[in-house]
Amino acid sequence: MSRPLHLAAYLLAFDTRAQTLQDRTRAGFLLRAAALAELAHRGDLVEDDAGRVRVAPAAGPDGDPVLDAVLAEVAARRRGWKSWIKRGREETLDAVEQRLAVLGVLTVQDRDPYGPVVPRRPVAMPDPREALDQQVRVAQVVRGDGPVDQVAFADAALGALAAHGQLRLVLSRGERRAHAERIAALTARLAEPAPGLARAVDGLGTTMVAAQGGMGGG
C-alpha cells in the first residue's frame, strides 16, 4: 500500500523489534521534511526568488489532517525550507501518530488515570510487515545501481531522508558512506519541485545537530 511521504517516513523510523521510534526527536525532523516534500511534489508549496516557501494560489485543504495543518502554517508566514523543517516538529509527529492510529497501523494506549503522568501515550505496531517492507525497499533504492531519474519521486525522497536523517534501521553508517554519490543524486531529485528543499534535506544532519546540541548518528 502506498502511503503519503510523511506516513511512509514514520514507518522508516519505527523500530519494529523495540516497538518504538529509533529516535523521537530525529523522527520529528524527518516527518516535517517529508510533509513539506509531499506538498511541494503536489504543487501546493512553491518557493519564491528569495528561497522562501509559499502556498501556491490553487492549493487548498485535501483532507489529510497532517498536510492541511502544515499548509495552514506556511500560509500564515513565509520562511525558508530549513526553518519550516525545524518548526512544529512535535505537533507534526503527534498528528502523524494519530493519523496512523486512525488507519489501524498503530495502536495508542490509553493513559492510566491512576498511574503516573506520562508526556505521551505509548504506541505499538501490531503488524510490523509494512514498516519492515518499507525499510527494506528504501534501502534497496539507495543500494541500487539503476538510473536515479527512473526512481519514483517518493522513493527518491524517502531514500534521501533515510540517509540524511541517519536512520540506522535502513542504512548503516558504512552504507551511507559507500553510497554517498547515489544519495546525492537521490537528494537532487527533491530539487525538481523546489531547489531549496533539496539543499535543506542535504543539510538535515547538520540542522539536527545544531537544533538539538548533538545527536548520535548510528
Protein backbone atom coordinates (compact mmCIF):
# COMPACT_ATOMS: atom_id res chain seq x y z
CA MET A 1 0.00 0.00 0.00
CA SER A 2 1.35 3.40 -0.99
CA ARG A 3 1.43 5.93 1.83
CA PRO A 4 1.99 9.71 1.66
CA LEU A 5 5.59 10.65 2.38
CA HIS A 6 5.01 11.76 5.96
CA LEU A 7 3.36 8.45 6.88
CA ALA A 8 5.94 6.40 4.99
CA ALA A 9 8.75 8.27 6.74
CA TYR A 10 7.30 7.28 10.12
CA LEU A 11 7.40 3.63 9.07
CA LEU A 12 11.06 4.06 8.11
CA ALA A 13 11.89 5.47 11.54
CA PHE A 14 9.97 2.87 13.58
CA ASP A 15 11.96 0.10 15.23
CA THR A 16 9.54 -2.81 14.97
CA ARG A 17 11.59 -5.01 17.29
CA ALA A 18 11.70 -2.44 20.11
CA GLN A 19 8.19 -1.20 19.25
CA THR A 20 9.28 2.42 19.36
CA LEU A 21 10.80 5.07 17.13
CA GLN A 22 14.55 4.88 16.63
CA ASP A 23 14.73 8.42 17.97
CA ARG A 24 11.68 10.60 18.53
CA THR A 25 13.49 13.90 18.05
CA ARG A 26 15.06 12.68 14.81
CA ALA A 27 11.67 11.45 13.60
CA GLY A 28 10.18 14.90 14.12
CA PHE A 29 12.68 16.43 11.70
CA LEU A 30 12.14 13.68 9.15
CA LEU A 31 8.36 13.91 9.23
CA ARG A 32 8.38 17.68 8.81
CA ALA A 33 10.72 17.37 5.84
CA ALA A 34 8.59 14.56 4.39
CA ALA A 35 5.36 16.55 4.74
CA LEU A 36 6.95 19.57 3.05
CA ALA A 37 8.29 17.36 0.25
CA GLU A 38 4.83 15.83 -0.26
CA LEU A 39 3.24 19.26 -0.52
CA ALA A 40 5.95 20.53 -2.86
CA HIS A 41 5.62 17.48 -5.10
CA ARG A 42 1.85 18.03 -5.28
CA GLY A 43 2.46 21.64 -6.31
CA ASP A 44 0.83 23.02 -3.16
CA LEU A 45 4.07 24.64 -1.95
CA VAL A 46 6.48 26.64 -4.08
CA GLU A 47 9.44 28.86 -3.31
CA ASP A 48 9.90 32.50 -4.26
CA ASP A 49 13.03 34.12 -5.68
CA ALA A 50 14.43 34.52 -2.16
CA GLY A 51 14.02 30.80 -1.43
CA ARG A 52 11.12 31.33 0.96
CA VAL A 53 8.22 28.88 0.92
CA ARG A 54 4.73 29.99 -0.01
CA VAL A 55 1.43 28.31 -0.72
CA ALA A 56 0.57 28.02 -4.40
CA PRO A 57 -2.51 30.02 -5.48
CA ALA A 58 -4.50 26.91 -6.40
CA ALA A 59 -3.58 24.97 -3.24
CA GLY A 60 -6.15 24.12 -0.62
CA PRO A 61 -7.01 21.54 2.05
CA ASP A 62 -7.25 18.00 0.71
CA GLY A 63 -8.49 16.16 3.80
CA ASP A 64 -5.15 14.92 5.11
CA PRO A 65 -5.02 16.48 8.60
CA VAL A 66 -1.21 16.45 8.74
CA LEU A 67 -0.70 18.13 5.37
CA ASP A 68 -3.57 20.56 5.90
CA ALA A 69 -2.04 21.70 9.18
CA VAL A 70 1.39 22.27 7.59
CA LEU A 71 -0.22 24.11 4.69
CA ALA A 72 -2.05 26.42 7.10
CA GLU A 73 1.21 27.16 8.92
CA VAL A 74 3.03 28.09 5.73
CA ALA A 75 0.12 30.24 4.56
CA ALA A 76 0.46 32.38 7.68
CA ARG A 77 4.10 33.35 7.19
CA ARG A 78 6.91 32.94 4.66
CA ARG A 79 10.07 31.19 5.82
CA GLY A 80 12.80 29.12 4.25
CA TRP A 81 12.58 25.32 3.93
CA LYS A 82 15.04 24.70 6.74
CA SER A 83 13.08 26.93 9.08
CA TRP A 84 9.86 25.06 8.33
CA ILE A 85 11.58 21.71 8.89
CA LYS A 86 12.65 22.86 12.36
CA ARG A 87 9.30 24.37 13.39
CA GLY A 88 6.33 22.39 14.66
CA ARG A 89 8.13 19.04 14.68
CA GLU A 90 6.44 17.61 17.76
CA GLU A 91 2.99 18.68 16.59
CA THR A 92 3.54 17.03 13.21
CA LEU A 93 4.86 13.86 14.83
CA ASP A 94 1.85 13.65 17.15
CA ALA A 95 -0.51 14.26 14.21
CA VAL A 96 1.15 11.52 12.15
CA GLU A 97 0.77 9.05 15.02
CA GLN A 98 -2.89 9.97 15.37
CA ARG A 99 -3.39 9.51 11.63
CA LEU A 100 -1.69 6.10 11.64
CA ALA A 101 -3.82 5.07 14.60
CA VAL A 102 -6.98 6.01 12.68
CA LEU A 103 -5.71 3.96 9.73
CA GLY A 104 -5.10 0.97 12.01
CA VAL A 105 -1.33 0.92 11.56
CA LEU A 106 -0.60 1.94 15.15
CA THR A 107 -2.35 1.38 18.44
CA VAL A 108 -2.17 4.13 21.01
CA GLN A 109 -2.55 3.09 24.62
CA ASP A 110 -4.95 4.96 26.87
CA ARG A 111 -3.44 6.74 29.84
CA ASP A 112 -3.98 5.09 33.20
CA PRO A 113 -5.97 7.65 35.24
CA TYR A 114 -4.46 6.22 38.42
CA GLY A 115 -0.93 5.80 37.06
CA PRO A 116 1.96 8.19 36.73
CA VAL A 117 1.66 11.18 34.42
CA VAL A 118 3.49 10.49 31.15
CA PRO A 119 4.28 13.08 28.46
CA ARG A 120 2.74 10.96 25.69
CA ARG A 121 0.79 7.77 25.29
CA PRO A 122 2.81 4.69 24.28
CA VAL A 123 2.26 3.41 20.75
CA ALA A 124 2.67 -0.03 19.25
CA MET A 125 2.64 -1.51 15.75
CA PRO A 126 0.84 -4.86 15.98
CA ASP A 127 1.68 -5.86 12.39
CA PRO A 128 5.26 -4.81 11.56
CA ARG A 129 5.32 -6.11 8.00
CA GLU A 130 4.53 -2.84 6.25
CA ALA A 131 7.25 -0.97 8.16
CA LEU A 132 9.81 -3.72 7.57
CA ASP A 133 8.95 -3.89 3.87
CA GLN A 134 9.27 -0.11 3.62
CA GLN A 135 12.69 -0.14 5.28
CA VAL A 136 13.98 -2.92 3.03
CA ARG A 137 12.62 -1.33 -0.14
CA VAL A 138 14.11 2.10 0.58
CA ALA A 139 17.46 0.52 1.47
CA GLN A 140 17.41 -1.23 -1.90
CA VAL A 141 16.73 2.08 -3.65
CA VAL A 142 19.85 3.57 -2.07
CA ARG A 143 22.00 0.49 -2.72
CA GLY A 144 20.75 0.07 -6.28
CA ASP A 145 22.62 0.93 -9.45
CA GLY A 146 19.74 1.76 -11.79
CA PRO A 147 19.25 5.27 -13.21
CA VAL A 148 18.21 7.63 -10.44
CA ASP A 149 15.97 9.59 -12.80
CA GLN A 150 13.84 6.45 -13.18
CA VAL A 151 13.29 6.12 -9.42
CA ALA A 152 9.83 7.26 -8.34
CA PHE A 153 9.92 10.66 -6.65
CA ALA A 154 8.53 9.25 -3.39
CA ASP A 155 11.21 6.54 -3.24
CA ALA A 156 13.95 9.05 -4.04
CA ALA A 157 12.70 11.38 -1.32
CA LEU A 158 12.49 8.58 1.25
CA GLY A 159 15.97 7.37 0.35
CA ALA A 160 17.36 10.87 0.79
CA LEU A 161 15.55 11.33 4.11
CA ALA A 162 16.69 7.95 5.45
CA ALA A 163 20.29 8.74 4.54
CA HIS A 164 20.48 12.33 5.73
CA GLY A 165 18.32 11.52 8.75
CA GLN A 166 20.81 8.77 9.64
CA LEU A 167 18.20 6.06 10.06
CA ARG A 168 20.27 3.04 11.08
CA LEU A 169 17.17 0.87 10.65
CA VAL A 170 17.52 1.47 6.91
CA LEU A 171 21.21 2.18 6.28
CA SER A 172 24.32 1.73 8.39
CA ARG A 173 26.93 4.48 8.60
CA GLY A 174 29.17 2.43 6.32
CA GLU A 175 26.42 2.07 3.74
CA ARG A 176 25.77 5.80 3.79
CA ARG A 177 29.44 6.40 3.06
CA ALA A 178 29.63 3.71 0.39
CA HIS A 179 26.61 5.06 -1.48
CA ALA A 180 27.27 8.77 -0.93
CA GLU A 181 27.22 9.55 -4.66
CA ARG A 182 23.86 7.87 -5.20
CA ILE A 183 22.44 9.51 -2.07
CA ALA A 184 23.45 12.89 -3.50
CA ALA A 185 21.68 12.05 -6.76
CA LEU A 186 18.53 10.94 -4.94
CA THR A 187 18.59 14.12 -2.87
CA ALA A 188 18.89 16.18 -6.04
CA ARG A 189 15.53 14.80 -7.17
CA LEU A 190 13.94 16.98 -4.46
CA ALA A 191 15.10 20.00 -6.44
CA GLU A 192 12.55 19.14 -9.15
CA PRO A 193 9.72 20.83 -7.21
CA ALA A 194 11.94 23.09 -5.07
CA PRO A 195 15.72 23.63 -5.20
CA GLY A 196 15.79 24.98 -1.66
CA LEU A 197 14.12 21.84 -0.35
CA ALA A 198 16.90 19.68 -1.76
CA ARG A 199 19.51 21.86 -0.06
CA ALA A 200 17.61 21.73 3.24
CA VAL A 201 17.41 17.91 3.15
CA ASP A 202 21.07 17.67 2.17
CA GLY A 203 21.93 19.64 5.31
CA LEU A 204 19.47 17.79 7.53
CA GLY A 205 22.17 16.13 9.64
CA THR A 206 23.77 19.46 10.47
CA THR A 207 20.37 21.03 11.16
CA MET A 208 19.50 18.29 13.65
CA VAL A 209 22.81 18.61 15.47
CA ALA A 210 22.56 22.40 15.63
CA ALA A 211 18.98 22.33 16.87
CA GLN A 212 19.46 19.64 19.47
CA GLY A 213 23.02 20.20 20.64
CA GLY A 214 24.27 16.89 19.26
CA MET A 215 22.57 13.70 18.14
CA GLY A 216 24.18 10.31 17.62
CA GLY A 217 24.22 9.07 14.05
CA GLY A 218 24.43 5.31 14.46
